[in-house]
Amino acid sequence: MRPFTITGGRTEPSRNIFTLITIVTATASVRAGPGLQREHLRALDLCAAPAAVAEIAAHLDLPVAVTKILLSDLLDQGRITATAPAQGSGGPDIALLEKVRDGLARL
């Protein structure tokens, strides 16, 4: 099915909170409902256990932009929750990054 049809012609999600690594979890026990397409239901099934947006898009075999619109629909209906992944405490290891840079420069 063409992405235009799946999203109803929309090109942007109603909420722009999703990144590739946003963790999504289903909250609704009711799987059917008005306005839900087959792709919505498949996304809900994939979210039964916490999953990243990129993972959901890959399993749906849809572009990430289309997946974000579907997930936004589900979030608006209260059927999923979306949380940012936990951030590391120290950020990137600068010494390691420098070693990688130096190694690449020697190639």
Protein backbone atom coordinates (compact mmCIF):
# COMPACT_ATOMS: atom_id res chain seq x y z
CA MET A 1 0.00 0.00 0.00
CA ARG A 2 1.29 3.48 -0.81
CA PRO A 3 2.39 5.66 2.14
CA PHE A 4 0.01 8.42 0.97
CA THR A 5 -2.92 6.05 1.49
CA ILE A 6 -1.70 4.76 4.84
CA THR A 7 -1.33 8.26 6.29
CA GLY A 8 -4.43 9.73 4.69
CA GLY A 9 -2.27 12.21 2.78
CA ARG A 10 -0.54 13.55 5.88
CA THR A 11 3.17 14.24 5.71
CA GLU A 12 3.80 15.23 9.34
CA PRO A 13 2.81 13.58 12.62
CA SER A 14 0.44 15.48 14.91
CA ARG A 15 3.18 15.35 17.57
CA ASN A 16 6.80 15.65 16.58
CA ILE A 17 8.23 13.79 19.57
CA PHE A 18 9.46 10.62 17.90
CA THR A 19 13.10 9.96 17.08
CA LEU A 20 14.58 6.75 15.72
CA ILE A 21 15.38 5.60 19.25
CA THR A 22 12.19 6.67 21.05
CA ILE A 23 10.86 3.67 22.98
CA VAL A 24 7.19 2.91 22.32
CA THR A 25 4.96 0.63 24.41
CA ALA A 26 1.32 -0.31 23.86
CA THR A 27 -1.08 0.61 26.65
CA ALA A 28 -4.46 -0.29 25.18
CA SER A 29 -5.98 -3.71 25.56
CA VAL A 30 -8.61 -2.96 22.91
CA ARG A 31 -7.05 -3.62 19.51
CA ALA A 32 -9.92 -2.55 17.23
CA GLY A 33 -11.49 0.85 17.01
CA PRO A 34 -12.62 3.57 14.69
CA GLY A 35 -9.92 5.08 12.53
CA LEU A 36 -7.48 2.21 12.96
CA GLN A 37 -6.03 0.68 9.85
CA ARG A 38 -4.27 -2.64 9.48
CA GLU A 39 -0.90 -0.86 9.89
CA HIS A 40 -2.04 0.71 13.18
CA LEU A 41 -2.97 -2.73 14.48
CA ARG A 42 0.35 -4.22 13.37
CA ALA A 43 2.20 -1.36 15.10
CA LEU A 44 0.23 -2.01 18.30
CA ASP A 45 1.17 -5.68 18.17
CA LEU A 46 4.84 -4.74 17.76
CA CYS A 47 4.57 -2.40 20.75
CA ALA A 48 3.28 -5.10 23.09
CA ALA A 49 6.85 -5.17 24.35
CA PRO A 50 8.85 -1.91 24.36
CA ALA A 51 10.33 -1.24 20.91
CA ALA A 52 12.23 1.59 19.23
CA VAL A 53 10.65 3.56 16.39
CA ALA A 54 13.32 2.36 13.95
CA GLU A 55 12.60 -1.26 14.89
CA ILE A 56 8.86 -0.79 14.40
CA ALA A 57 9.41 0.84 11.00
CA ALA A 58 11.63 -2.04 9.93
CA HIS A 59 9.09 -4.67 10.96
CA LEU A 60 6.27 -2.76 9.25
CA ASP A 61 8.46 -2.35 6.15
CA LEU A 62 7.45 1.32 6.03
CA PRO A 63 9.48 4.52 5.88
CA VAL A 64 10.25 6.00 9.29
CA ALA A 65 8.28 9.16 8.45
CA VAL A 66 5.14 7.11 7.79
CA THR A 67 5.70 5.06 10.94
CA LYS A 68 5.98 8.25 13.01
CA ILE A 69 2.59 9.39 11.68
CA LEU A 70 1.00 6.05 12.58
CA LEU A 71 2.55 6.11 16.05
CA SER A 72 1.43 9.69 16.53
CA ASP A 73 -2.15 8.60 15.78
CA LEU A 74 -1.88 5.86 18.39
CA LEU A 75 -0.37 8.24 20.92
CA ASP A 76 -3.19 10.74 20.34
CA GLN A 77 -5.68 7.95 21.08
CA GLY A 78 -3.84 6.93 24.26
CA ARG A 79 -3.03 3.47 22.90
CA ILE A 80 0.76 3.80 23.30
CA THR A 81 3.30 5.61 25.43
CA ALA A 82 6.52 7.07 24.08
CA THR A 83 9.62 7.65 26.17
CA ALA A 84 13.05 8.93 25.33
CA PRO A 85 15.79 6.38 25.96
CA ALA A 86 17.94 6.80 29.05
CA GLN A 87 20.99 8.96 28.45
CA GLY A 88 24.43 7.88 29.58
CA SER A 89 25.84 9.87 32.45
CA GLY A 90 29.14 10.95 30.92
CA GLY A 91 28.45 11.45 27.24
CA PRO A 92 30.82 10.16 24.60
CA ASP A 93 34.27 8.92 25.56
CA ILE A 94 36.48 11.63 24.02
CA ALA A 95 39.67 9.56 24.33
CA LEU A 96 38.08 6.68 22.43
CA LEU A 97 36.76 9.00 19.73
CA GLU A 98 40.22 10.50 19.31
CA LYS A 99 41.76 7.03 18.95
CA VAL A 100 39.21 6.16 16.28
CA ARG A 101 39.90 9.43 14.47
CA ASP A 102 43.65 8.83 14.58
CA GLY A 103 43.25 5.26 13.36
CA LEU A 104 41.10 6.39 10.44
CA ALA A 105 43.63 9.07 9.54
CA ARG A 106 46.36 6.42 9.31
CA LEU A 107 44.36 4.44 6.74
